Structures are given as structure tokens and as C-alpha cells.
PDB file of N, CA and C in Angstrom:
ATOM      1  N   MET A   1      50.295 -46.803  89.343  1.00  0.00           N
ATOM      2  CA  MET A   1      49.026 -46.724  88.891  1.00  0.00           C
ATOM      3  C   MET A   1      48.567 -47.365  87.596  1.00  0.00           C
ATOM      4  N   ALA A   2      47.452 -47.798  87.620  1.00  0.00           N
ATOM      5  CA  ALA A   2      47.059 -48.506  86.301  1.00  0.00           C
ATOM      6  C   ALA A   2      46.383 -47.754  85.486  1.00  0.00           C
ATOM      7  N   LYS A   3      46.443 -48.071  83.981  1.00  0.00           N
ATOM      8  CA  LYS A   3      46.091 -47.149  83.128  1.00  0.00           C
ATOM      9  C   LYS A   3      45.211 -48.241  82.189  1.00  0.00           C
ATOM     10  N   ALA A   4      44.112 -47.995  81.712  1.00  0.00           N
ATOM     11  CA  ALA A   4      43.487 -48.831  80.823  1.00  0.00           C
ATOM     12  C   ALA A   4      43.261 -48.196  79.511  1.00  0.00           C
ATOM     13  N   ARG A   5      43.231 -48.826  78.387  1.00  0.00           N
ATOM     14  CA  ARG A   5      42.757 -48.643  77.150  1.00  0.00           C
ATOM     15  C   ARG A   5      41.976 -49.620  76.416  1.00  0.00           C
ATOM     16  N   ILE A   6      40.647 -49.039  76.092  1.00  0.00           N
ATOM     17  CA  ILE A   6      39.319 -49.730  75.846  1.00  0.00           C
ATOM     18  C   ILE A   6      39.448 -49.213  74.276  1.00  0.00           C
ATOM     19  N   ASN A   7      39.102 -50.066  73.207  1.00  0.00           N
ATOM     20  CA  ASN A   7      38.678 -49.516  72.092  1.00  0.00           C
ATOM     21  C   ASN A   7      37.613 -50.478  71.561  1.00  0.00           C
ATOM     22  N   ILE A   8      36.421 -49.782  71.266  1.00  0.00           N
ATOM     23  CA  ILE A   8      35.035 -50.003  71.095  1.00  0.00           C
ATOM     24  C   ILE A   8      34.835 -49.670  69.559  1.00  0.00           C
ATOM     25  N   PRO A   9      34.522 -50.354  68.302  1.00  0.00           N
ATOM     26  CA  PRO A   9      34.525 -49.838  67.061  1.00  0.00           C
ATOM     27  C   PRO A   9      33.376 -48.894  66.975  1.00  0.00           C
ATOM     28  N   ARG A  10      33.549 -47.905  66.206  1.00  0.00           N
ATOM     29  CA  ARG A  10      32.576 -46.863  65.923  1.00  0.00           C
ATOM     30  C   ARG A  10      31.677 -47.772  64.642  1.00  0.00           C
ATOM     31  N   ASN A  11      30.454 -46.953  64.622  1.00  0.00           N
ATOM     32  CA  ASN A  11      29.563 -47.269  63.631  1.00  0.00           C
ATOM     33  C   ASN A  11      29.049 -48.706  63.697  1.00  0.00           C
ATOM     34  N   ILE A  12      28.684 -49.197  65.035  1.00  0.00           N
ATOM     35  CA  ILE A  12      28.188 -50.403  65.210  1.00  0.00           C
ATOM     36  C   ILE A  12      26.528 -50.483  64.894  1.00  0.00           C
ATOM     37  N   ARG A  13      26.195 -51.751  64.363  1.00  0.00           N
ATOM     38  CA  ARG A  13      24.723 -51.401  63.839  1.00  0.00           C
ATOM     39  C   ARG A  13      24.166 -52.644  64.906  1.00  0.00           C
ATOM     40  N   ARG A  14      23.161 -52.572  65.639  1.00  0.00           N
ATOM     41  CA  ARG A  14      22.170 -53.624  66.337  1.00  0.00           C
ATOM     42  C   ARG A  14      22.306 -54.955  65.697  1.00  0.00           C
ATOM     43  N   GLY A  15      22.688 -55.790  66.310  1.00  0.00           N
ATOM     44  CA  GLY A  15      22.937 -57.460  65.456  1.00  0.00           C
ATOM     45  C   GLY A  15      24.399 -57.555  65.131  1.00  0.00           C
ATOM     46  N   ASP A  16      25.101 -56.563  65.330  1.00  0.00           N
ATOM     47  CA  ASP A  16      26.739 -56.896  64.627  1.00  0.00           C
ATOM     48  C   ASP A  16      27.398 -57.620  65.814  1.00  0.00           C
ATOM     49  N   LEU A  17      28.204 -58.396  65.204  1.00  0.00           N
ATOM     50  CA  LEU A  17      29.398 -59.108  66.469  1.00  0.00           C
ATOM     51  C   LEU A  17      30.462 -58.138  66.378  1.00  0.00           C
ATOM     52  N   VAL A  18      30.718 -57.596  67.532  1.00  0.00           N
ATOM     53  CA  VAL A  18      31.712 -56.571  67.533  1.00  0.00           C
ATOM     54  C   VAL A  18      32.850 -57.111  68.480  1.00  0.00           C
ATOM     55  N   GLU A  19      34.032 -56.780  67.960  1.00  0.00           N
ATOM     56  CA  GLU A  19      35.346 -57.054  68.693  1.00  0.00           C
ATOM     57  C   GLU A  19      35.878 -55.647  69.765  1.00  0.00           C
ATOM     58  N   ILE A  20      35.644 -56.172  70.767  1.00  0.00           N
ATOM     59  CA  ILE A  20      36.120 -55.000  71.817  1.00  0.00           C
ATOM     60  C   ILE A  20      37.531 -55.428  72.556  1.00  0.00           C
ATOM     61  N   LYS A  21      38.414 -54.627  72.372  1.00  0.00           N
ATOM     62  CA  LYS A  21      39.889 -54.776  72.820  1.00  0.00           C
ATOM     63  C   LYS A  21      40.207 -54.048  73.739  1.00  0.00           C
ATOM     64  N   THR A  22      40.846 -54.592  74.887  1.00  0.00           N
ATOM     65  CA  THR A  22      41.334 -53.885  76.001  1.00  0.00           C
ATOM     66  C   THR A  22      42.918 -54.069  76.203  1.00  0.00           C
ATOM     67  N   LEU A  23      43.415 -53.082  77.140  1.00  0.00           N
ATOM     68  CA  LEU A  23      44.917 -53.385  77.360  1.00  0.00           C
ATOM     69  C   LEU A  23      45.061 -52.573  78.742  1.00  0.00           C
ATOM     70  N   ILE A  24      45.511 -53.011  79.821  1.00  0.00           N
ATOM     71  CA  ILE A  24      45.934 -52.179  80.621  1.00  0.00           C
ATOM     72  C   ILE A  24      47.363 -52.312  81.471  1.00  0.00           C
ATOM     73  N   THR A  25      47.857 -51.163  81.872  1.00  0.00           N
ATOM     74  CA  THR A  25      48.997 -51.231  82.415  1.00  0.00           C
ATOM     75  C   THR A  25      49.123 -51.589  83.829  1.00  0.00           C
ATOM     76  N   HIS A  26      50.048 -52.446  84.131  1.00  0.00           N
ATOM     77  CA  HIS A  26      49.669 -52.897  85.853  1.00  0.00           C
ATOM     78  C   HIS A  26      51.161 -53.216  86.128  1.00  0.00           C
ATOM     79  N   PRO A  27      51.810 -53.009  87.225  1.00  0.00           N
ATOM     80  CA  PRO A  27      53.107 -53.283  87.879  1.00  0.00           C
ATOM     81  C   PRO A  27      52.987 -54.888  88.376  1.00  0.00           C
ATOM     82  N   MET A  28      53.309 -55.962  87.097  1.00  0.00           N
ATOM     83  CA  MET A  28      53.132 -57.181  87.299  1.00  0.00           C
ATOM     84  C   MET A  28      54.480 -57.572  87.895  1.00  0.00           C
ATOM     85  N   GLU A  29      54.243 -58.582  88.805  1.00  0.00           N
ATOM     86  CA  GLU A  29      55.457 -59.392  89.346  1.00  0.00           C
ATOM     87  C   GLU A  29      55.077 -60.888  89.440  1.00  0.00           C
ATOM     88  N   THR A  30      56.235 -61.736  89.441  1.00  0.00           N
ATOM     89  CA  THR A  30      55.839 -63.092  89.083  1.00  0.00           C
ATOM     90  C   THR A  30      55.861 -63.737  90.588  1.00  0.00           C
ATOM     91  N   GLY A  31      56.609 -63.016  91.584  1.00  0.00           N
ATOM     92  CA  GLY A  31      56.884 -63.792  92.800  1.00  0.00           C
ATOM     93  C   GLY A  31      57.988 -64.507  92.796  1.00  0.00           C
ATOM     94  N   PHE A  32      58.741 -64.493  91.602  1.00  0.00           N
ATOM     95  CA  PHE A  32      60.232 -65.476  91.617  1.00  0.00           C
ATOM     96  C   PHE A  32      61.223 -64.628  91.440  1.00  0.00           C
ATOM     97  N   ARG A  33      61.058 -63.323  91.303  1.00  0.00           N
ATOM     98  CA  ARG A  33      62.476 -62.491  91.151  1.00  0.00           C
ATOM     99  C   ARG A  33      62.824 -61.899  92.647  1.00  0.00           C
ATOM    100  N   VAL A  34      63.918 -61.550  92.833  1.00  0.00           N
ATOM    101  CA  VAL A  34      64.480 -60.982  94.189  1.00  0.00           C
ATOM    102  C   VAL A  34      65.139 -59.516  93.752  1.00  0.00           C
ATOM    103  N   ASP A  35      64.966 -58.610  95.087  1.00  0.00           N
ATOM    104  CA  ASP A  35      65.397 -57.162  94.677  1.00  0.00           C
ATOM    105  C   ASP A  35      67.012 -57.309  95.126  1.00  0.00           C
ATOM    106  N   SER A  36      67.614 -56.245  95.103  1.00  0.00           N
ATOM    107  CA  SER A  36      68.846 -55.841  95.033  1.00  0.00           C
ATOM    108  C   SER A  36      69.633 -56.281  96.534  1.00  0.00           C
ATOM    109  N   LEU A  37      68.536 -56.699  97.441  1.00  0.00           N
ATOM    110  CA  LEU A  37      69.360 -57.312  98.906  1.00  0.00           C
ATOM    111  C   LEU A  37      68.965 -58.768  98.761  1.00  0.00           C
ATOM    112  N   GLY A  38      68.438 -59.349  98.030  1.00  0.00           N
ATOM    113  CA  GLY A  38      68.318 -60.722  97.572  1.00  0.00           C
ATOM    114  C   GLY A  38      66.785 -61.139  98.168  1.00  0.00           C
ATOM    115  N   VAL A  39      65.935 -60.063  98.565  1.00  0.00           N
ATOM    116  CA  VAL A  39      64.738 -60.420  99.370  1.00  0.00           C
ATOM    117  C   VAL A  39      63.484 -60.805  98.237  1.00  0.00           C
ATOM    118  N   LYS A  40      63.027 -61.838  98.205  1.00  0.00           N
ATOM    119  CA  LYS A  40      61.652 -62.223  97.187  1.00  0.00           C
ATOM    120  C   LYS A  40      60.742 -60.967  97.030  1.00  0.00           C
ATOM    121  N   ILE A  41      60.641 -60.732  95.842  1.00  0.00           N
ATOM    122  CA  ILE A  41      59.682 -59.605  95.540  1.00  0.00           C
ATOM    123  C   ILE A  41      58.251 -60.465  95.561  1.00  0.00           C
ATOM    124  N   PRO A  42      57.333 -59.941  96.424  1.00  0.00           N
ATOM    125  CA  PRO A  42      56.036 -60.527  96.415  1.00  0.00           C
ATOM    126  C   PRO A  42      55.157 -60.629  95.147  1.00  0.00           C
ATOM    127  N   ARG A  43      54.614 -61.745  94.765  1.00  0.00           N
ATOM    128  CA  ARG A  43      53.856 -61.830  93.441  1.00  0.00           C
ATOM    129  C   ARG A  43      52.655 -60.703  93.551  1.00  0.00           C
ATOM    130  N   ASN A  44      52.502 -60.218  92.367  1.00  0.00           N
ATOM    131  CA  ASN A  44      51.554 -59.122  92.148  1.00  0.00           C
ATOM    132  C   ASN A  44      51.048 -59.160  90.642  1.00  0.00           C
ATOM    133  N   ILE A  45      50.044 -60.107  90.652  1.00  0.00           N
ATOM    134  CA  ILE A  45      49.409 -60.221  89.208  1.00  0.00           C
ATOM    135  C   ILE A  45      47.853 -59.723  89.214  1.00  0.00           C
ATOM    136  N   LEU A  46      47.308 -59.584  88.124  1.00  0.00           N
ATOM    137  CA  LEU A  46      45.991 -59.425  88.168  1.00  0.00           C
ATOM    138  C   LEU A  46      45.438 -60.736  88.030  1.00  0.00           C
ATOM    139  N   THR A  47      44.283 -60.649  88.591  1.00  0.00           N
ATOM    140  CA  THR A  47      43.603 -62.339  88.723  1.00  0.00           C
ATOM    141  C   THR A  47      42.234 -62.375  88.109  1.00  0.00           C
ATOM    142  N   GLN A  48      41.479 -61.391  87.680  1.00  0.00           N
ATOM    143  CA  GLN A  48      40.465 -61.471  87.181  1.00  0.00           C
ATOM    144  C   GLN A  48      40.112 -60.331  86.448  1.00  0.00           C
ATOM    145  N   PHE A  49      39.279 -60.470  85.102  1.00  0.00           N
ATOM    146  CA  PHE A  49      38.811 -59.160  84.211  1.00  0.00           C
ATOM    147  C   PHE A  49      37.301 -59.687  83.868  1.00  0.00           C
ATOM    148  N   SER A  50      36.441 -58.760  84.190  1.00  0.00           N
ATOM    149  CA  SER A  50      35.000 -59.062  83.800  1.00  0.00           C
ATOM    150  C   SER A  50      34.514 -57.575  83.148  1.00  0.00           C
ATOM    151  N   VAL A  51      33.625 -57.833  82.397  1.00  0.00           N
ATOM    152  CA  VAL A  51      32.712 -56.812  81.624  1.00  0.00           C
ATOM    153  C   VAL A  51      31.365 -57.143  81.742  1.00  0.00           C
ATOM    154  N   ALA A  52      30.484 -56.165  82.086  1.00  0.00           N
ATOM    155  CA  ALA A  52      29.176 -55.945  82.304  1.00  0.00           C
ATOM    156  C   ALA A  52      28.433 -54.817  81.405  1.00  0.00           C
ATOM    157  N   LEU A  53      27.290 -55.230  80.647  1.00  0.00           N
ATOM    158  CA  LEU A  53      26.703 -54.417  79.998  1.00  0.00           C
ATOM    159  C   LEU A  53      25.226 -53.987  80.864  1.00  0.00           C
ATOM    160  N   ASN A  54      25.086 -53.040  81.175  1.00  0.00           N
ATOM    161  CA  ASN A  54      23.874 -52.796  81.992  1.00  0.00           C
ATOM    162  C   ASN A  54      23.856 -53.552  83.206  1.00  0.00           C
ATOM    163  N   ASP A  55      24.837 -53.823  83.896  1.00  0.00           N
ATOM    164  CA  ASP A  55      24.986 -54.729  85.542  1.00  0.00           C
ATOM    165  C   ASP A  55      24.803 -56.007  84.767  1.00  0.00           C
ATOM    166  N   THR A  56      24.573 -56.592  83.698  1.00  0.00           N
ATOM    167  CA  THR A  56      24.563 -58.089  83.241  1.00  0.00           C
ATOM    168  C   THR A  56      25.950 -58.233  82.997  1.00  0.00           C
ATOM    169  N   LEU A  57      26.587 -59.373  83.475  1.00  0.00           N
ATOM    170  CA  LEU A  57      27.742 -59.882  83.023  1.00  0.00           C
ATOM    171  C   LEU A  57      27.831 -60.464  81.630  1.00  0.00           C
ATOM    172  N   VAL A  58      28.799 -59.868  80.643  1.00  0.00           N
ATOM    173  CA  VAL A  58      28.831 -60.273  79.395  1.00  0.00           C
ATOM    174  C   VAL A  58      30.118 -60.980  78.963  1.00  0.00           C
ATOM    175  N   PHE A  59      31.204 -61.058  79.791  1.00  0.00           N
ATOM    176  CA  PHE A  59      32.313 -61.563  79.435  1.00  0.00           C
ATOM    177  C   PHE A  59      33.239 -61.506  81.136  1.00  0.00           C
ATOM    178  N   GLN A  60      33.955 -62.819  81.111  1.00  0.00           N
ATOM    179  CA  GLN A  60      34.588 -62.732  82.316  1.00  0.00           C
ATOM    180  C   GLN A  60      35.699 -63.594  82.045  1.00  0.00           C
ATOM    181  N   ALA A  61      36.892 -63.492  82.667  1.00  0.00           N
ATOM    182  CA  ALA A  61      38.464 -64.197  82.309  1.00  0.00           C
ATOM    183  C   ALA A  61      38.963 -64.444  83.776  1.00  0.00           C
ATOM    184  N   ASP A  62      39.212 -65.652  84.149  1.00  0.00           N
ATOM    185  CA  ASP A  62      40.100 -65.629  85.238  1.00  0.00           C
ATOM    186  C   ASP A  62      41.539 -65.831  84.846  1.00  0.00           C
ATOM    187  N   LEU A  63      42.288 -64.883  85.189  1.00  0.00           N
ATOM    188  CA  LEU A  63      43.877 -64.835  84.938  1.00  0.00           C
ATOM    189  C   LEU A  63      44.592 -65.424  86.012  1.00  0.00           C
ATOM    190  N   GLN A  64      45.513 -66.101  85.401  1.00  0.00           N
ATOM    191  CA  GLN A  64      46.709 -67.180  86.049  1.00  0.00           C
ATOM    192  C   GLN A  64      48.073 -66.477  86.174  1.00  0.00           C
ATOM    193  N   PRO A  65      48.938 -67.090  86.809  1.00  0.00           N
ATOM    194  CA  PRO A  65      50.083 -66.511  87.196  1.00  0.00           C
ATOM    195  C   PRO A  65      51.012 -66.355  85.847  1.00  0.00           C
ATOM    196  N   GLY A  66      50.727 -67.275  84.853  1.00  0.00           N
ATOM    197  CA  GLY A  66      51.258 -67.197  83.556  1.00  0.00           C
ATOM    198  C   GLY A  66      50.851 -66.016  82.796  1.00  0.00           C
ATOM    199  N   ILE A  67      50.014 -64.881  83.033  1.00  0.00           N
ATOM    200  CA  ILE A  67      49.534 -63.902  82.342  1.00  0.00           C
ATOM    201  C   ILE A  67      50.590 -63.064  82.219  1.00  0.00           C
ATOM    202  N   ALA A  68      50.545 -62.050  81.012  1.00  0.00           N
ATOM    203  CA  ALA A  68      51.588 -61.428  80.777  1.00  0.00           C
ATOM    204  C   ALA A  68      51.632 -59.838  81.496  1.00  0.00           C
ATOM    205  N   ALA A  69      52.460 -59.386  81.741  1.00  0.00           N
ATOM    206  CA  ALA A  69      52.418 -57.982  82.027  1.00  0.00           C
ATOM    207  C   ALA A  69      51.725 -57.259  81.165  1.00  0.00           C
ATOM    208  N   ASN A  70      50.715 -56.289  81.543  1.00  0.00           N
ATOM    209  CA  ASN A  70      49.921 -55.075  80.610  1.00  0.00           C
ATOM    210  C   ASN A  70      48.980 -56.317  79.862  1.00  0.00           C
ATOM    211  N   PRO A  71      48.472 -56.872  80.444  1.00  0.00           N
ATOM    212  CA  PRO A  71      47.730 -57.927  79.351  1.00  0.00           C
ATOM    213  C   PRO A  71      46.913 -57.239  78.383  1.00  0.00           C
ATOM    214  N   PHE A  72      46.833 -57.718  77.231  1.00  0.00           N
ATOM    215  CA  PHE A  72      45.800 -57.373  76.199  1.00  0.00           C
ATOM    216  C   PHE A  72      44.711 -58.619  76.161  1.00  0.00           C
ATOM    217  N   ILE A  73      43.413 -58.033  76.176  1.00  0.00           N
ATOM    218  CA  ILE A  73      42.224 -58.985  76.335  1.00  0.00           C
ATOM    219  C   ILE A  73      41.279 -58.477  74.964  1.00  0.00           C
ATOM    220  N   SER A  74      41.097 -59.467  74.340  1.00  0.00           N
ATOM    221  CA  SER A  74      40.067 -58.833  73.293  1.00  0.00           C
ATOM    222  C   SER A  74      38.594 -59.989  73.410  1.00  0.00           C
ATOM    223  N   PHE A  75      37.448 -59.596  73.348  1.00  0.00           N
ATOM    224  CA  PHE A  75      36.468 -60.650  73.067  1.00  0.00           C
ATOM    225  C   PHE A  75      35.248 -60.143  72.372  1.00  0.00           C
ATOM    226  N   PHE A  76      34.350 -60.776  71.873  1.00  0.00           N
ATOM    227  CA  PHE A  76      33.399 -60.248  71.071  1.00  0.00           C
ATOM    228  C   PHE A  76      32.271 -60.215  71.602  1.00  0.00           C
ATOM    229  N   LEU A  77      31.220 -59.327  71.321  1.00  0.00           N
ATOM    230  CA  LEU A  77      30.070 -59.007  71.947  1.00  0.00           C
ATOM    231  C   LEU A  77      28.969 -58.901  70.770  1.00  0.00           C
ATOM    232  N   ARG A  78      27.969 -59.325  71.027  1.00  0.00           N
ATOM    233  CA  ARG A  78      26.697 -59.073  70.051  1.00  0.00           C
ATOM    234  C   ARG A  78      26.055 -57.919  70.481  1.00  0.00           C
ATOM    235  N   ALA A  79      25.863 -56.951  69.440  1.00  0.00           N
ATOM    236  CA  ALA A  79      25.439 -55.824  69.952  1.00  0.00           C
ATOM    237  C   ALA A  79      23.889 -55.614  69.752  1.00  0.00           C
ATOM    238  N   GLU A  80      23.387 -55.994  70.776  1.00  0.00           N
ATOM    239  CA  GLU A  80      21.814 -56.100  70.915  1.00  0.00           C
ATOM    240  C   GLU A  80      21.182 -55.290  71.365  1.00  0.00           C
ATOM    241  N   GLN A  81      21.757 -54.607  72.451  1.00  0.00           N
ATOM    242  CA  GLN A  81      21.280 -53.472  73.253  1.00  0.00           C
ATOM    243  C   GLN A  81      22.365 -52.327  73.436  1.00  0.00           C
ATOM    244  N   SER A  82      21.594 -51.143  73.852  1.00  0.00           N
ATOM    245  CA  SER A  82      22.388 -49.987  74.196  1.00  0.00           C
ATOM    246  C   SER A  82      22.550 -50.110  75.532  1.00  0.00           C
ATOM    247  N   GLY A  83      23.830 -49.256  76.131  1.00  0.00           N
ATOM    248  CA  GLY A  83      23.798 -49.299  77.529  1.00  0.00           C
ATOM    249  C   GLY A  83      25.298 -48.977  78.008  1.00  0.00           C
ATOM    250  N   GLN A  84      25.485 -49.235  79.165  1.00  0.00           N
ATOM    251  CA  GLN A  84      26.999 -48.692  79.716  1.00  0.00           C
ATOM    252  C   GLN A  84      27.464 -50.270  79.629  1.00  0.00           C
ATOM    253  N   LEU A  85      28.894 -49.939  79.322  1.00  0.00           N
ATOM    254  CA  LEU A  85      29.925 -51.079  79.521  1.00  0.00           C
ATOM    255  C   LEU A  85      30.485 -50.940  80.727  1.00  0.00           C
ATOM    256  N   THR A  86      30.753 -51.727  81.718  1.00  0.00           N
ATOM    257  CA  THR A  86      31.701 -51.727  83.005  1.00  0.00           C
ATOM    258  C   THR A  86      32.928 -52.703  82.685  1.00  0.00           C
ATOM    259  N   PHE A  87      34.244 -52.225  82.735  1.00  0.00           N
ATOM    260  CA  PHE A  87      35.238 -52.914  82.771  1.00  0.00           C
ATOM    261  C   PHE A  87      35.880 -53.131  83.923  1.00  0.00           C
ATOM    262  N   THR A  88      36.187 -54.310  84.679  1.00  0.00           N
ATOM    263  CA  THR A  88      36.581 -54.331  85.884  1.00  0.00           C
ATOM    264  C   THR A  88      37.948 -55.218  86.143  1.00  0.00           C
ATOM    265  N   TRP A  89      39.036 -54.832  86.210  1.00  0.00           N
ATOM    266  CA  TRP A  89      40.211 -55.612  86.506  1.00  0.00           C
ATOM    267  C   TRP A  89      40.436 -55.780  88.074  1.00  0.00           C
ATOM    268  N   THR A  90      40.574 -56.972  88.508  1.00  0.00           N
ATOM    269  CA  THR A  90      40.862 -57.293  90.015  1.00  0.00           C
ATOM    270  C   THR A  90      42.347 -57.825  90.013  1.00  0.00           C
ATOM    271  N   GLY A  91      42.846 -57.646  90.985  1.00  0.00           N
ATOM    272  CA  GLY A  91      44.341 -58.257  91.165  1.00  0.00           C
ATOM    273  C   GLY A  91      44.587 -58.774  92.706  1.00  0.00           C
ATOM    274  N   GLN A  92      45.734 -58.990  92.997  1.00  0.00           N
ATOM    275  CA  GLN A  92      46.306 -59.296  94.251  1.00  0.00           C
ATOM    276  C   GLN A  92      46.512 -57.849  95.280  1.00  0.00           C
ATOM    277  N   HIS A  93      46.452 -58.009  96.235  1.00  0.00           N
ATOM    278  CA  HIS A  93      46.545 -56.896  97.232  1.00  0.00           C
ATOM    279  C   HIS A  93      45.675 -55.772  97.280  1.00  0.00           C
ATOM    280  N   GLY A  94      44.345 -56.378  96.902  1.00  0.00           N
ATOM    281  CA  GLY A  94      43.458 -55.457  96.959  1.00  0.00           C
ATOM    282  C   GLY A  94      43.149 -54.535  95.759  1.00  0.00           C
ATOM    283  N   PHE A  95      43.805 -54.730  94.654  1.00  0.00           N
ATOM    284  CA  PHE A  95      43.703 -53.987  93.581  1.00  0.00           C
ATOM    285  C   PHE A  95      42.620 -54.121  92.724  1.00  0.00           C
ATOM    286  N   THR A  96      41.637 -53.089  92.460  1.00  0.00           N
ATOM    287  CA  THR A  96      40.676 -52.926  91.519  1.00  0.00           C
ATOM    288  C   THR A  96      40.736 -51.776  90.719  1.00  0.00           C
ATOM    289  N   HIS A  97      40.550 -51.906  89.363  1.00  0.00           N
ATOM    290  CA  HIS A  97      40.335 -50.876  88.418  1.00  0.00           C
ATOM    291  C   HIS A  97      39.124 -51.039  87.787  1.00  0.00           C
ATOM    292  N   VAL A  98      38.285 -49.816  87.627  1.00  0.00           N
ATOM    293  CA  VAL A  98      37.034 -49.735  86.808  1.00  0.00           C
ATOM    294  C   VAL A  98      36.905 -48.568  85.748  1.00  0.00           C
ATOM    295  N   GLU A  99      36.572 -49.050  84.758  1.00  0.00           N
ATOM    296  CA  GLU A  99      36.468 -48.130  83.592  1.00  0.00           C
ATOM    297  C   GLU A  99      34.883 -48.198  83.079  1.00  0.00           C
ATOM    298  N   THR A 100      34.313 -47.109  82.519  1.00  0.00           N
ATOM    299  CA  THR A 100      32.804 -47.405  81.832  1.00  0.00           C
ATOM    300  C   THR A 100      33.163 -46.625  80.610  1.00  0.00           C
ATOM    301  N   ARG A 101      32.208 -47.352  79.664  1.00  0.00           N
ATOM    302  CA  ARG A 101      32.042 -46.641  78.294  1.00  0.00           C
ATOM    303  C   ARG A 101      30.761 -46.870  77.810  1.00  0.00           C
ATOM    304  N   ALA A 102      30.437 -46.174  77.228  1.00  0.00           N
ATOM    305  CA  ALA A 102      28.842 -45.875  76.268  1.00  0.00           C
ATOM    306  C   ALA A 102      28.907 -47.013  75.289  1.00  0.00           C
ATOM    307  N   PHE A 103      27.970 -47.798  75.223  1.00  0.00           N
ATOM    308  CA  PHE A 103      27.757 -48.826  74.308  1.00  0.00           C
ATOM    309  C   PHE A 103      26.421 -48.479  73.560  1.00  0.00           C
ATOM    310  N   ASP A 104      26.321 -47.956  72.404  1.00  0.00           N
ATOM    311  CA  ASP A 104      25.074 -47.552  71.547  1.00  0.00           C
ATOM    312  C   ASP A 104      25.022 -47.946  70.273  1.00  0.00           C
ATOM    313  N   PRO A 105      24.710 -49.131  69.785  1.00  0.00           N
ATOM    314  CA  PRO A 105      24.469 -49.608  68.480  1.00  0.00           C
ATOM    315  C   PRO A 105      23.522 -48.790  67.758  1.00  0.00           C
ATOM    316  N   ALA A 106      23.592 -48.559  66.600  1.00  0.00           N
ATOM    317  CA  ALA A 106      22.411 -47.987  65.940  1.00  0.00           C
ATOM    318  C   ALA A 106      21.481 -48.797  65.264  1.00  0.00           C
ATOM    319  N   PRO A 107      20.077 -48.322  65.339  1.00  0.00           N
ATOM    320  CA  PRO A 107      19.273 -49.496  64.844  1.00  0.00           C
ATOM    321  C   PRO A 107      19.469 -50.042  63.610  1.00  0.00           C
TER     322      PRO A 107
END
């Protein structure tokens, strides 16, 4: 089961450039390891991360096989409007994890 951590600074003012930090735990597999019986463990990685503010895409990253387990991703966002941030991680084998957070910069 995935668990996400999202850090949005407090005391944001409208117009500020804000660093948003995310970390998600995910049972990553490279596809190169074998189990105790010598059977190859299928690759299981995250393939995309996206963030939308009020349904408008503000950040997206396509993740490749070299991505670390439990990836930490940070990005910058200009605080121009209030609303809801929706964070979406997608991966192989139908994996999707969605988290939402309020985003409310002070005037």
C-alpha cells in the first residue's frame, strides 16, 4: 500500500514562489531481480507524477526505470490563486494513488 507525504509551506502569500515537496512509498521492482526460486520478479515502477490546481495541470513528470524506490519529488509553484491541489502518482499494473491538499495563499 502506498503512503504519500506532501509538504506545502505555511504562511504563503499571493505571488510567492513556493517549493512543494512530495515523497511516496511504493514497492518498486526493477525487473532484474529474481526470487528464491530463480523466477524473475516483474518490473513494478511508478511511471508518472502529476499535480493539478483546480483541475489545471501545474506540474507533470514522466518517471523512467531508473527512478529511485520511494521517490522524492519537489517542484516550484507560483501562488497566484487559492484552490485544491490534486497529486496523482500512476504506475504499472494499474497502480494509481491520489491525494488532495488545500492551497490558500494569503492576499
